[in-house]
């Protein structure tokens, strides 16, 4: 009997939590506060975006093109190394 009462109280607490959370989340006061918060953030972004400094573009002609580069590739002889150890 005590076990059933304990489970019943747990279920009541869970449903009360869900009910009050939903009631607060969908209330007009919460919607107003969240809209005001989002509106304030948008205004702050617009205000601070006007004060952002614009940096100069210093990447003109940064790439040097060369035509006569000879690269030496090292040749690896793995099979020869394996055969020598035999």
N, C-alpha and C. Protein backbone atom coordinates (compact mmCIF):
# COMPACT_ATOMS: atom_id res chain seq x y z
N UNK A 1 0.82 -1.20 0.00
CA UNK A 1 0.00 0.00 0.00
C UNK A 1 0.86 1.26 0.00
N UNK A 2 1.91 1.24 0.79
CA UNK A 2 2.82 2.39 0.86
C UNK A 2 3.51 2.59 -0.49
N UNK A 3 3.84 1.49 -1.14
CA UNK A 3 4.52 1.56 -2.43
C UNK A 3 3.63 2.24 -3.48
N UNK A 4 2.36 1.90 -3.51
CA UNK A 4 1.43 2.51 -4.47
C UNK A 4 1.24 3.99 -4.19
N UNK A 5 1.19 4.36 -2.92
CA UNK A 5 1.04 5.78 -2.57
C UNK A 5 2.28 6.55 -2.99
N UNK A 6 3.45 5.94 -2.82
CA UNK A 6 4.70 6.59 -3.22
C UNK A 6 4.71 6.82 -4.74
N UNK A 7 4.33 5.82 -5.51
CA UNK A 7 4.28 5.95 -6.96
C UNK A 7 3.25 6.99 -7.38
N UNK A 8 2.12 7.02 -6.70
CA UNK A 8 1.08 8.00 -7.00
C UNK A 8 1.58 9.42 -6.76
N UNK A 9 2.31 9.62 -5.68
CA UNK A 9 2.87 10.95 -5.38
C UNK A 9 3.91 11.33 -6.42
N UNK A 10 4.75 10.38 -6.85
CA UNK A 10 5.74 10.66 -7.90
C UNK A 10 5.06 11.08 -9.19
N UNK A 11 3.99 10.39 -9.55
CA UNK A 11 3.27 10.72 -10.79
C UNK A 11 2.63 12.10 -10.67
N UNK A 12 2.06 12.42 -9.54
CA UNK A 12 1.47 13.75 -9.33
C UNK A 12 2.53 14.83 -9.44
N UNK A 13 3.70 14.60 -8.87
CA UNK A 13 4.78 15.59 -8.94
C UNK A 13 5.26 15.78 -10.36
N UNK A 14 5.39 14.71 -11.11
CA UNK A 14 5.84 14.81 -12.51
C UNK A 14 4.82 15.57 -13.34
N UNK A 15 3.54 15.24 -13.21
CA UNK A 15 2.52 15.95 -13.97
C UNK A 15 2.42 17.42 -13.55
N UNK A 16 2.58 17.71 -12.26
CA UNK A 16 2.55 19.10 -11.80
C UNK A 16 3.72 19.88 -12.39
N UNK A 17 4.89 19.26 -12.44
CA UNK A 17 6.05 19.91 -13.03
C UNK A 17 5.81 20.23 -14.50
N UNK A 18 5.31 19.25 -15.25
CA UNK A 18 5.02 19.47 -16.68
C UNK A 18 3.95 20.53 -16.85
N UNK A 19 2.92 20.51 -16.05
CA UNK A 19 1.83 21.48 -16.17
C UNK A 19 2.33 22.90 -15.90
N UNK A 20 3.05 23.10 -14.79
CA UNK A 20 3.49 24.45 -14.45
C UNK A 20 4.57 24.96 -15.40
N UNK A 21 5.40 24.07 -15.89
CA UNK A 21 6.40 24.47 -16.88
C UNK A 21 5.72 24.91 -18.17
N UNK A 22 4.75 24.15 -18.64
CA UNK A 22 4.01 24.53 -19.85
C UNK A 22 3.22 25.81 -19.65
N UNK A 23 2.62 25.96 -18.49
CA UNK A 23 1.85 27.16 -18.20
C UNK A 23 2.74 28.39 -18.23
N UNK A 24 3.94 28.31 -17.65
CA UNK A 24 4.85 29.45 -17.67
C UNK A 24 5.38 29.70 -19.07
N UNK A 25 5.75 28.63 -19.78
CA UNK A 25 6.35 28.77 -21.11
C UNK A 25 5.38 29.41 -22.09
N UNK A 26 4.11 29.07 -22.03
CA UNK A 26 3.13 29.59 -22.98
C UNK A 26 2.40 30.83 -22.46
N UNK A 27 2.84 31.40 -21.34
CA UNK A 27 2.16 32.57 -20.79
C UNK A 27 2.52 33.81 -21.61
N UNK A 28 1.65 34.82 -21.55
CA UNK A 28 1.88 36.06 -22.29
C UNK A 28 3.08 36.82 -21.74
N UNK A 29 3.29 36.76 -20.44
CA UNK A 29 4.42 37.45 -19.82
C UNK A 29 5.75 36.90 -20.35
N UNK A 30 5.85 35.60 -20.46
CA UNK A 30 7.09 35.00 -20.98
C UNK A 30 7.28 35.36 -22.45
N UNK A 31 6.22 35.38 -23.24
CA UNK A 31 6.33 35.75 -24.65
C UNK A 31 6.78 37.20 -24.79
N UNK A 32 6.25 38.10 -23.95
CA UNK A 32 6.66 39.50 -24.00
C UNK A 32 8.13 39.64 -23.63
N UNK A 33 8.54 38.96 -22.56
CA UNK A 33 9.94 39.07 -22.12
C UNK A 33 10.90 38.51 -23.15
N UNK A 34 10.55 37.40 -23.77
CA UNK A 34 11.44 36.82 -24.77
C UNK A 34 11.50 37.71 -26.00
N UNK A 35 10.37 38.31 -26.40
CA UNK A 35 10.38 39.21 -27.56
C UNK A 35 11.21 40.45 -27.25
N UNK A 36 11.07 40.99 -26.04
CA UNK A 36 11.87 42.16 -25.65
C UNK A 36 13.35 41.81 -25.66
N UNK A 37 13.69 40.66 -25.17
CA UNK A 37 15.09 40.24 -25.12
C UNK A 37 15.65 40.12 -26.54
N UNK A 38 14.90 39.48 -27.43
CA UNK A 38 15.36 39.35 -28.81
C UNK A 38 15.47 40.71 -29.49
N UNK A 39 14.53 41.61 -29.20
CA UNK A 39 14.55 42.94 -29.78
C UNK A 39 15.77 43.72 -29.28
N UNK A 40 16.08 43.61 -27.99
CA UNK A 40 17.25 44.29 -27.43
C UNK A 40 18.54 43.77 -28.06
N UNK A 41 18.61 42.46 -28.27
CA UNK A 41 19.80 41.88 -28.88
C UNK A 41 19.97 42.41 -30.30
N UNK A 42 18.88 42.49 -31.07
CA UNK A 42 18.95 43.02 -32.43
C UNK A 42 19.43 44.47 -32.43
N UNK A 43 18.93 45.27 -31.49
CA UNK A 43 19.35 46.67 -31.42
C UNK A 43 20.83 46.77 -31.05
N UNK A 44 21.29 45.93 -30.14
CA UNK A 44 22.71 45.95 -29.76
C UNK A 44 23.60 45.55 -30.93
N UNK A 45 23.15 44.58 -31.71
CA UNK A 45 23.92 44.15 -32.87
C UNK A 45 24.02 45.29 -33.88
N UNK A 46 22.93 45.98 -34.14
CA UNK A 46 22.95 47.10 -35.07
C UNK A 46 23.84 48.22 -34.57
N UNK A 47 23.81 48.49 -33.27
CA UNK A 47 24.62 49.55 -32.69
C UNK A 47 26.11 49.21 -32.78
N UNK A 48 26.48 48.00 -32.43
CA UNK A 48 27.89 47.63 -32.43
C UNK A 48 28.42 47.38 -33.84
N UNK A 49 27.56 47.03 -34.78
CA UNK A 49 28.03 46.79 -36.14
C UNK A 49 28.44 48.09 -36.82
N UNK A 50 27.93 49.21 -36.36
CA UNK A 50 28.34 50.50 -36.92
C UNK A 50 29.75 50.87 -36.47
N UNK A 51 30.19 50.36 -35.33
CA UNK A 51 31.49 50.72 -34.78
C UNK A 51 32.60 49.74 -35.14
N UNK A 52 32.33 48.75 -35.95
CA UNK A 52 33.34 47.77 -36.32
C UNK A 52 34.28 48.40 -37.35
N UNK A 53 35.59 48.37 -37.08
CA UNK A 53 36.52 48.95 -38.05
C UNK A 53 36.66 48.05 -39.27
N UNK A 54 36.83 48.66 -40.41
CA UNK A 54 37.03 47.91 -41.65
C UNK A 54 38.52 47.86 -41.93
N UNK A 55 39.05 46.68 -42.05
CA UNK A 55 40.48 46.50 -42.28
C UNK A 55 40.81 46.62 -43.75
N UNK A 56 42.04 47.08 -44.01
CA UNK A 56 42.48 47.23 -45.40
C UNK A 56 42.76 45.86 -46.00
N UNK A 57 42.59 45.77 -47.29
CA UNK A 57 42.87 44.53 -48.00
C UNK A 57 44.33 44.56 -48.43
N UNK A 58 45.16 43.75 -47.82
CA UNK A 58 46.58 43.74 -48.15
C UNK A 58 47.01 42.41 -48.79
N UNK A 59 46.11 41.78 -49.47
CA UNK A 59 46.42 40.49 -50.07
C UNK A 59 46.55 40.56 -51.59
N UNK A 60 46.78 41.73 -52.12
CA UNK A 60 46.94 41.87 -53.56
C UNK A 60 48.33 41.39 -53.97
N UNK A 61 48.41 40.62 -55.03
CA UNK A 61 49.66 40.12 -55.61
C UNK A 61 50.51 39.39 -54.57
N UNK A 62 49.91 38.59 -53.77
CA UNK A 62 50.65 37.88 -52.73
C UNK A 62 51.17 36.53 -53.23
N UNK A 63 50.60 36.03 -54.30
CA UNK A 63 51.02 34.74 -54.83
C UNK A 63 52.09 34.97 -55.88
N UNK A 64 53.21 34.27 -55.73
CA UNK A 64 54.29 34.36 -56.72
C UNK A 64 54.25 33.11 -57.59
N UNK A 65 54.15 33.33 -58.87
CA UNK A 65 54.10 32.21 -59.79
C UNK A 65 55.50 31.95 -60.33
N UNK A 66 55.96 30.75 -60.23
CA UNK A 66 57.26 30.37 -60.77
C UNK A 66 57.06 29.22 -61.74
N UNK A 67 57.87 29.26 -62.78
CA UNK A 67 57.71 28.25 -63.82
C UNK A 67 58.83 27.21 -63.83
N UNK A 68 60.01 27.58 -63.43
CA UNK A 68 61.16 26.69 -63.59
C UNK A 68 61.61 26.08 -62.26
N UNK A 69 60.70 25.47 -61.58
CA UNK A 69 61.05 24.81 -60.33
C UNK A 69 61.15 23.32 -60.60
N UNK A 70 62.31 22.77 -60.26
CA UNK A 70 62.51 21.33 -60.41
C UNK A 70 62.47 20.71 -59.03
N UNK A 71 61.60 19.81 -58.87
CA UNK A 71 61.51 19.14 -57.58
C UNK A 71 62.12 17.76 -57.71
N UNK A 72 62.93 17.42 -56.75
CA UNK A 72 63.52 16.09 -56.73
C UNK A 72 62.67 15.21 -55.83
N UNK A 73 62.22 14.14 -56.40
CA UNK A 73 61.43 13.20 -55.62
C UNK A 73 62.33 12.06 -55.17
N UNK A 74 62.25 11.78 -53.93
CA UNK A 74 63.04 10.69 -53.39
C UNK A 74 62.37 9.37 -53.75
N UNK A 75 63.16 8.48 -54.25
CA UNK A 75 62.61 7.20 -54.64
C UNK A 75 62.71 6.24 -53.47
N UNK A 76 61.63 5.60 -53.17
CA UNK A 76 61.59 4.64 -52.08
C UNK A 76 61.57 3.23 -52.66
N UNK A 77 62.38 2.39 -52.09
CA UNK A 77 62.47 1.02 -52.57
C UNK A 77 62.09 0.08 -51.43
N UNK A 78 60.83 0.02 -51.16
CA UNK A 78 60.36 -0.79 -50.05
C UNK A 78 60.54 -2.28 -50.31
N UNK A 79 60.24 -2.68 -51.50
CA UNK A 79 60.37 -4.10 -51.80
C UNK A 79 61.82 -4.57 -51.73
N UNK A 80 62.73 -3.72 -52.16
CA UNK A 80 64.15 -4.08 -52.08
C UNK A 80 64.60 -4.19 -50.62
N UNK A 81 64.10 -3.30 -49.77
CA UNK A 81 64.46 -3.35 -48.35
C UNK A 81 63.91 -4.61 -47.70
N UNK A 82 62.74 -5.01 -48.07
CA UNK A 82 62.15 -6.22 -47.51
C UNK A 82 62.92 -7.46 -47.96
N UNK A 83 63.31 -7.49 -49.22
CA UNK A 83 64.03 -8.64 -49.77
C UNK A 83 65.43 -8.76 -49.19
N UNK A 84 66.07 -7.63 -48.83
CA UNK A 84 67.42 -7.67 -48.26
C UNK A 84 67.42 -8.29 -46.88
N UNK A 85 66.33 -8.12 -46.13
CA UNK A 85 66.27 -8.67 -44.79
C UNK A 85 66.05 -10.18 -44.77
N UNK A 86 65.69 -10.74 -45.87
CA UNK A 86 65.44 -12.19 -45.90
C UNK A 86 66.67 -12.95 -45.78
